[in-house]
C-alpha atoms as a PDB file:
ATOM      1  CA  MET A   1      -9.724 -27.115  11.866  1.00  0.00           C
ATOM      2  CA  GLY A   2      -8.516 -23.803  13.303  1.00  0.00           C
ATOM      3  CA  ARG A   3      -5.220 -25.243  14.482  1.00  0.00           C
ATOM      4  CA  ASP A   4      -4.464 -26.751  11.062  1.00  0.00           C
ATOM      5  CA  TRP A   5      -5.520 -23.802   8.896  1.00  0.00           C
ATOM      6  CA  VAL A   6      -2.838 -22.780   6.407  1.00  0.00           C
ATOM      7  CA  PRO A   7      -2.853 -19.038   5.605  1.00  0.00           C
ATOM      8  CA  PRO A   8      -3.071 -18.043   1.921  1.00  0.00           C
ATOM      9  CA  ALA A   9       0.314 -17.218   0.410  1.00  0.00           C
ATOM     10  CA  CYS A  10      -0.796 -13.609  -0.174  1.00  0.00           C
ATOM     11  CA  THR A  11      -0.824 -12.961   3.586  1.00  0.00           C
ATOM     12  CA  GLY A  12       2.850 -13.731   4.087  1.00  0.00           C
ATOM     13  CA  TRP A  13       1.936 -15.357   7.403  1.00  0.00           C
ATOM     14  CA  THR A  14       4.279 -18.227   8.176  1.00  0.00           C
ATOM     15  CA  THR A  15       2.503 -19.798  11.162  1.00  0.00           C
ATOM     16  CA  THR A  16      -0.562 -21.985  10.803  1.00  0.00           C
ATOM     17  CA  GLY A  17      -3.814 -22.058  12.722  1.00  0.00           C
ATOM     18  CA  PHE A  18      -5.955 -19.560  14.572  1.00  0.00           C
ATOM     19  CA  THR A  19      -8.112 -19.116  17.629  1.00  0.00           C
ATOM     20  CA  MET A  20     -10.243 -16.530  15.866  1.00  0.00           C
ATOM     21  CA  LEU A  21     -10.390 -15.624  12.181  1.00  0.00           C
ATOM     22  CA  VAL A  22     -12.584 -12.888  10.679  1.00  0.00           C
ATOM     23  CA  VAL A  23     -12.726 -12.211   6.937  1.00  0.00           C
ATOM     24  CA  THR A  24     -14.285  -8.976   5.688  1.00  0.00           C
ATOM     25  CA  ALA A  25     -15.075  -8.358   2.015  1.00  0.00           C
ATOM     26  CA  ALA A  26     -16.789  -5.252   0.658  1.00  0.00           C
ATOM     27  CA  ARG A  27     -16.993  -2.685  -2.117  1.00  0.00           C
ATOM     28  CA  PHE A  28     -17.079   1.048  -1.486  1.00  0.00           C
ATOM     29  CA  ARG A  29     -16.932   4.278  -3.437  1.00  0.00           C
ATOM     30  CA  TYR A  30     -13.991   6.546  -2.707  1.00  0.00           C
ATOM     31  CA  ASP A  31     -12.982   9.453  -4.913  1.00  0.00           C
ATOM     32  CA  SER A  32      -9.798  10.634  -3.156  1.00  0.00           C
ATOM     33  CA  GLY A  33      -7.631   7.856  -4.570  1.00  0.00           C
ATOM     34  CA  VAL A  34      -4.857   5.956  -2.878  1.00  0.00           C
ATOM     35  CA  ASP A  35      -3.399   9.145  -1.363  1.00  0.00           C
ATOM     36  CA  GLY A  36      -6.677   9.691   0.459  1.00  0.00           C
ATOM     37  CA  LEU A  37      -6.662   6.111   1.705  1.00  0.00           C
ATOM     38  CA  LEU A  38      -3.069   6.459   2.859  1.00  0.00           C
ATOM     39  CA  ARG A  39      -4.045   9.557   4.785  1.00  0.00           C
ATOM     40  CA  ARG A  40      -6.827   7.563   6.466  1.00  0.00           C
ATOM     41  CA  VAL A  41      -4.413   4.765   7.363  1.00  0.00           C
ATOM     42  CA  GLY A  42      -1.804   7.170   8.713  1.00  0.00           C
ATOM     43  CA  ALA A  43      -4.234   9.297  10.723  1.00  0.00           C
ATOM     44  CA  ILE A  44      -3.847   7.129  13.810  1.00  0.00           C
ATOM     45  CA  SER A  45      -5.289   9.692  16.234  1.00  0.00           C
ATOM     46  CA  GLU A  46      -8.550   9.809  14.263  1.00  0.00           C
ATOM     47  CA  SER A  47      -9.293   6.201  15.178  1.00  0.00           C
ATOM     48  CA  ALA A  48     -10.023   7.336  18.742  1.00  0.00           C
ATOM     49  CA  GLY A  49     -13.766   7.260  19.242  1.00  0.00           C
ATOM     50  CA  ILE A  50     -14.495   4.422  16.810  1.00  0.00           C
ATOM     51  CA  ARG A  51     -17.710   2.750  17.938  1.00  0.00           C
ATOM     52  CA  TYR A  52     -18.928  -0.835  17.564  1.00  0.00           C
ATOM     53  CA  TRP A  53     -22.063  -2.766  18.478  1.00  0.00           C
ATOM     54  CA  SER A  54     -21.613  -4.605  21.760  1.00  0.00           C
ATOM     55  CA  THR A  55     -23.466  -7.912  21.536  1.00  0.00           C
ATOM     56  CA  THR A  56     -23.258  -8.186  25.327  1.00  0.00           C
ATOM     57  CA  ARG A  57     -24.610  -4.715  26.183  1.00  0.00           C
ATOM     58  CA  LYS A  58     -26.846  -4.499  23.093  1.00  0.00           C
ATOM     59  CA  ARG A  59     -25.774  -0.943  22.396  1.00  0.00           C
ATOM     60  CA  TRP A  60     -23.112   1.060  20.590  1.00  0.00           C
ATOM     61  CA  LYS A  61     -19.912   1.429  22.585  1.00  0.00           C
ATOM     62  CA  THR A  62     -16.569   3.132  22.042  1.00  0.00           C
ATOM     63  CA  LEU A  63     -14.016   0.648  20.734  1.00  0.00           C
ATOM     64  CA  ILE A  64     -10.853   2.786  20.591  1.00  0.00           C
ATOM     65  CA  VAL A  65     -10.527   5.065  23.611  1.00  0.00           C
ATOM     66  CA  SER A  66      -7.296   6.748  22.504  1.00  0.00           C
ATOM     67  CA  ALA A  67      -4.719   6.287  19.761  1.00  0.00           C
ATOM     68  CA  ARG A  68      -1.414   7.831  18.757  1.00  0.00           C
ATOM     69  CA  ALA A  69       1.443   7.327  16.337  1.00  0.00           C
ATOM     70  CA  LEU A  70       4.836   6.453  17.823  1.00  0.00           C
ATOM     71  CA  THR A  71       8.393   7.262  16.826  1.00  0.00           C
ATOM     72  CA  GLY A  72       9.332   3.588  17.116  1.00  0.00           C
ATOM     73  CA  PRO A  73       8.528   0.331  18.945  1.00  0.00           C
ATOM     74  CA  GLU A  74       8.044  -0.124  22.695  1.00  0.00           C
ATOM     75  CA  GLY A  75       9.404   2.685  24.836  1.00  0.00           C
ATOM     76  CA  SER A  76       9.193   5.227  22.014  1.00  0.00           C
ATOM     77  CA  LYS A  77       7.614   8.650  22.167  1.00  0.00           C
ATOM     78  CA  PRO A  78       4.314   9.749  20.652  1.00  0.00           C
ATOM     79  CA  ARG A  79       4.443  11.788  17.461  1.00  0.00           C
ATOM     80  CA  LYS A  80       2.096  13.414  14.965  1.00  0.00           C
ATOM     81  CA  ASP A  81       0.047  11.219  12.660  1.00  0.00           C
ATOM     82  CA  PHE A  82       1.830   9.628   9.711  1.00  0.00           C
ATOM     83  CA  LEU A  83       1.656  11.529   6.425  1.00  0.00           C
ATOM     84  CA  PRO A  84       0.878   9.740   3.148  1.00  0.00           C
ATOM     85  CA  GLY A  85       4.466  10.266   1.999  1.00  0.00           C
ATOM     86  CA  GLU A  86       5.712   8.247   4.978  1.00  0.00           C
ATOM     87  CA  LEU A  87       3.598   5.234   4.052  1.00  0.00           C
ATOM     88  CA  ARG A  88       5.849   3.780   1.384  1.00  0.00           C
ATOM     89  CA  LYS A  89       6.215   0.165   0.296  1.00  0.00           C
ATOM     90  CA  GLY A  90       8.320  -1.734   2.813  1.00  0.00           C
ATOM     91  CA  LYS A  91       8.020   1.003   5.444  1.00  0.00           C
ATOM     92  CA  THR A  92       7.423  -0.130   9.027  1.00  0.00           C
ATOM     93  CA  LEU A  93       5.782   2.221  11.512  1.00  0.00           C
ATOM     94  CA  TYR A  94       4.378   1.889  15.013  1.00  0.00           C
ATOM     95  CA  PHE A  95       1.290   3.090  16.848  1.00  0.00           C
ATOM     96  CA  GLN A  96      -0.525   2.606  20.125  1.00  0.00           C
ATOM     97  CA  GLN A  97      -4.223   2.077  20.721  1.00  0.00           C
ATOM     98  CA  GLU A  98      -6.159   1.896  23.952  1.00  0.00           C
ATOM     99  CA  ASP A  99      -8.895  -0.650  23.333  1.00  0.00           C
ATOM    100  CA  ASN A 100     -11.971  -0.663  25.559  1.00  0.00           C
ATOM    101  CA  LEU A 101     -11.298  -4.313  26.473  1.00  0.00           C
ATOM    102  CA  LEU A 102      -7.666  -5.018  25.629  1.00  0.00           C
ATOM    103  CA  GLY A 103      -6.157  -1.866  27.141  1.00  0.00           C
ATOM    104  CA  ASN A 104      -3.061  -0.213  25.703  1.00  0.00           C
ATOM    105  CA  VAL A 105      -1.525  -2.205  22.862  1.00  0.00           C
ATOM    106  CA  ILE A 106       1.395  -1.259  20.612  1.00  0.00           C
ATOM    107  CA  TYR A 107       1.134  -2.358  16.987  1.00  0.00           C
ATOM    108  CA  ARG A 108       3.486  -2.542  14.053  1.00  0.00           C
ATOM    109  CA  LEU A 109       2.160  -1.178  10.762  1.00  0.00           C
ATOM    110  CA  LYS A 110       3.841  -2.270   7.540  1.00  0.00           C
ATOM    111  CA  ILE A 111       2.998  -1.146   4.031  1.00  0.00           C
ATOM    112  CA  ARG A 112       3.193  -4.110   1.670  1.00  0.00           C
ATOM    113  CA  SER A 113       2.118  -2.298  -1.523  1.00  0.00           C
ATOM    114  CA  ALA A 114       1.081   1.254  -2.396  1.00  0.00           C
ATOM    115  CA  SER A 115       0.281   2.229  -5.991  1.00  0.00           C
ATOM    116  CA  HIS A 116      -2.447   4.308  -7.628  1.00  0.00           C
ATOM    117  CA  ASP A 117      -4.804   1.319  -7.822  1.00  0.00           C
ATOM    118  CA  ARG A 118      -3.710  -0.986  -4.987  1.00  0.00           C
ATOM    119  CA  LEU A 119      -2.924  -0.661  -1.291  1.00  0.00           C
ATOM    120  CA  VAL A 120      -1.891  -3.537   0.954  1.00  0.00           C
ATOM    121  CA  PHE A 121      -0.863  -3.118   4.586  1.00  0.00           C
ATOM    122  CA  GLU A 122      -0.600  -5.283   7.668  1.00  0.00           C
ATOM    123  CA  THR A 123      -0.723  -4.818  11.428  1.00  0.00           C
ATOM    124  CA  GLU A 124       0.565  -6.946  14.291  1.00  0.00           C
ATOM    125  CA  ASN A 125       0.760  -6.417  18.037  1.00  0.00           C
ATOM    126  CA  ILE A 126       4.309  -6.120  19.376  1.00  0.00           C
ATOM    127  CA  SER A 127       3.358  -5.704  23.038  1.00  0.00           C
ATOM    128  CA  THR A 128       1.813  -8.289  25.336  1.00  0.00           C
ATOM    129  CA  VAL A 129      -1.930  -7.911  25.871  1.00  0.00           C
ATOM    130  CA  LYS A 130      -2.709  -8.495  29.528  1.00  0.00           C
ATOM    131  CA  GLY A 131      -6.007  -9.515  31.083  1.00  0.00           C
ATOM    132  CA  MET A 132      -7.273  -9.601  34.634  1.00  0.00           C
ATOM    133  CA  PHE A 133      -6.170 -13.208  35.120  1.00  0.00           C
ATOM    134  CA  GLY A 134      -3.080 -13.397  32.926  1.00  0.00           C
ATOM    135  CA  ASN A 135      -1.785 -12.641  29.473  1.00  0.00           C
ATOM    136  CA  LEU A 136      -4.351 -12.817  26.672  1.00  0.00           C
ATOM    137  CA  PHE A 137      -2.056 -12.381  23.664  1.00  0.00           C
ATOM    138  CA  GLN A 138       1.691 -12.569  23.292  1.00  0.00           C
ATOM    139  CA  PRO A 139       3.482 -10.320  20.771  1.00  0.00           C
ATOM    140  CA  GLY A 140       2.560 -11.291  17.222  1.00  0.00           C
ATOM    141  CA  GLU A 141      -0.681 -13.077  18.161  1.00  0.00           C
ATOM    142  CA  ILE A 142      -3.046 -10.406  16.777  1.00  0.00           C
ATOM    143  CA  GLN A 143      -2.554 -10.025  13.035  1.00  0.00           C
ATOM    144  CA  GLY A 144      -4.398  -8.221  10.303  1.00  0.00           C
ATOM    145  CA  ILE A 145      -3.817  -7.774   6.590  1.00  0.00           C
ATOM    146  CA  TYR A 146      -5.804  -5.396   4.400  1.00  0.00           C
ATOM    147  CA  PHE A 147      -6.147  -5.418   0.605  1.00  0.00           C
ATOM    148  CA  LEU A 148      -7.710  -2.450  -1.192  1.00  0.00           C
ATOM    149  CA  GLU A 149      -7.894  -2.486  -4.993  1.00  0.00           C
ATOM    150  CA  LEU A 150      -9.406   0.013  -7.396  1.00  0.00           C
ATOM    151  CA  GLU A 151     -12.057  -1.673  -9.509  1.00  0.00           C
ATOM    152  CA  SER A 152     -13.359   1.144 -11.754  1.00  0.00           C
ATOM    153  CA  GLY A 153     -15.001   4.551 -11.597  1.00  0.00           C
ATOM    154  CA  GLY A 154     -13.920   5.253  -8.036  1.00  0.00           C
ATOM    155  CA  VAL A 155     -15.194   1.904  -6.726  1.00  0.00           C
ATOM    156  CA  TRP A 156     -12.734  -0.005  -4.558  1.00  0.00           C
ATOM    157  CA  ARG A 157     -12.676  -3.607  -3.376  1.00  0.00           C
ATOM    158  CA  TYR A 158     -11.829  -4.264   0.270  1.00  0.00           C
ATOM    159  CA  TYR A 159     -10.626  -7.593   1.636  1.00  0.00           C
ATOM    160  CA  CYS A 160      -9.300  -8.076   5.150  1.00  0.00           C
ATOM    161  CA  LEU A 161      -8.204 -11.026   7.271  1.00  0.00           C
ATOM    162  CA  LEU A 162      -7.892 -10.650  11.027  1.00  0.00           C
ATOM    163  CA  ARG A 163      -6.739 -13.497  13.213  1.00  0.00           C
ATOM    164  CA  THR A 164      -5.524 -14.353  16.673  1.00  0.00           C
ATOM    165  CA  SER A 165      -2.986 -17.143  16.900  1.00  0.00           C
ATOM    166  CA  ARG A 166      -3.870 -20.703  17.797  1.00  0.00           C
ATOM    167  CA  ASN A 167      -1.892 -20.253  21.037  1.00  0.00           C
ATOM    168  CA  ALA A 168      -3.972 -17.319  22.298  1.00  0.00           C
ATOM    169  CA  ASN A 169      -5.404 -17.534  25.803  1.00  0.00           C
ATOM    170  CA  ARG A 170      -8.554 -19.685  25.852  1.00  0.00           C
ATOM    171  CA  MET A 171     -10.370 -16.844  27.629  1.00  0.00           C
ATOM    172  CA  THR A 172     -10.441 -15.030  24.266  1.00  0.00           C
ATOM    173  CA  MET A 173     -12.544 -17.776  22.667  1.00  0.00           C
ATOM    174  CA  GLY A 174     -16.297 -17.710  22.142  1.00  0.00           C
ATOM    175  CA  HIS A 175     -16.677 -14.042  21.224  1.00  0.00           C
ATOM    176  CA  GLU A 176     -17.110 -14.387  17.467  1.00  0.00           C
ATOM    177  CA  ALA A 177     -19.926 -11.824  17.135  1.00  0.00           C
ATOM    178  CA  SER A 178     -17.892  -9.223  18.993  1.00  0.00           C
ATOM    179  CA  TYR A 179     -14.862  -9.778  16.761  1.00  0.00           C
ATOM    180  CA  ILE A 180     -17.058  -9.460  13.663  1.00  0.00           C
ATOM    181  CA  ASN A 181     -18.504  -6.153  14.851  1.00  0.00           C
ATOM    182  CA  ARG A 182     -15.052  -4.838  15.674  1.00  0.00           C
ATOM    183  CA  ALA A 183     -13.797  -5.753  12.210  1.00  0.00           C
ATOM    184  CA  ALA A 184     -16.811  -4.006  10.682  1.00  0.00           C
ATOM    185  CA  ALA A 185     -16.121  -0.889  12.743  1.00  0.00           C
ATOM    186  CA  MET A 186     -12.521  -0.739  11.496  1.00  0.00           C
ATOM    187  CA  TYR A 187     -13.703  -1.112   7.893  1.00  0.00           C
ATOM    188  CA  ARG A 188     -16.276   1.645   8.276  1.00  0.00           C
ATOM    189  CA  HIS A 189     -13.713   3.979   9.809  1.00  0.00           C
ATOM    190  CA  LEU A 190     -11.173   3.400   7.041  1.00  0.00           C
ATOM    191  CA  VAL A 191     -13.612   4.098   4.213  1.00  0.00           C
ATOM    192  CA  GLY A 192     -15.392   7.010   5.888  1.00  0.00           C
ATOM    193  CA  ILE A 193     -18.692   5.422   6.942  1.00  0.00           C
ATOM    194  CA  PRO A 194     -20.047   6.365  10.416  1.00  0.00           C
ATOM    195  CA  THR A 195     -18.914   3.485  12.615  1.00  0.00           C
ATOM    196  CA  ASP A 196     -22.168   3.396  14.581  1.00  0.00           C
ATOM    197  CA  GLN A 197     -24.404   3.444  11.531  1.00  0.00           C
ATOM    198  CA  ASP A 198     -27.336   1.063  11.855  1.00  0.00           C
ATOM    199  CA  PRO A 199     -27.799  -1.768  11.455  1.00  0.00           C
ATOM    200  CA  PRO A 200     -24.978  -3.555  13.291  1.00  0.00           C
ATOM    201  CA  VAL A 201     -23.392  -6.377  11.315  1.00  0.00           C
ATOM    202  CA  SER A 202     -23.905  -8.938  14.054  1.00  0.00           C
ATOM    203  CA  PRO A 203     -26.714  -7.950  16.475  1.00  0.00           C
END
């Protein structure tokens, strides 16, 4: 099934299939509007220290060790966090994260839509993710797309799809609970909920 999965048209993804697919749906209250959400998205350095529940260790662990915005793709220099005014529709930006398991990875960030009641953005790795015994993910094999829509009275809807490609290294398979907890941690960080707030999504 995973290899034959056809992404919804709203994702803009042109390749089929997945090794891992996590869908997150939620509602949250947020009174700072889309500008506040854009600030959260652009504040790359603030993602350092995000914590998630490790199903292996059975405790909260740091997910993002360090993070920084970049002036461009691979080989570029670090820069200050992106300001809301830089996150315009069609804009492509780059950032680097040091993941506790994946190491240093460079991502592309693209704003698909940004209006007072809707924000859509996507991320994709542009650097190879290397493991102890070979490459885990080639460029473009870790993708995420995030939809945030204002419902009413400061309540927003959140919908996110995260996937790894169907060609990802088989060593990345079989860790569904970990991927779910990582997706939950990223959601909590974006909307301002403590990332290590009990209970964990997948214990």
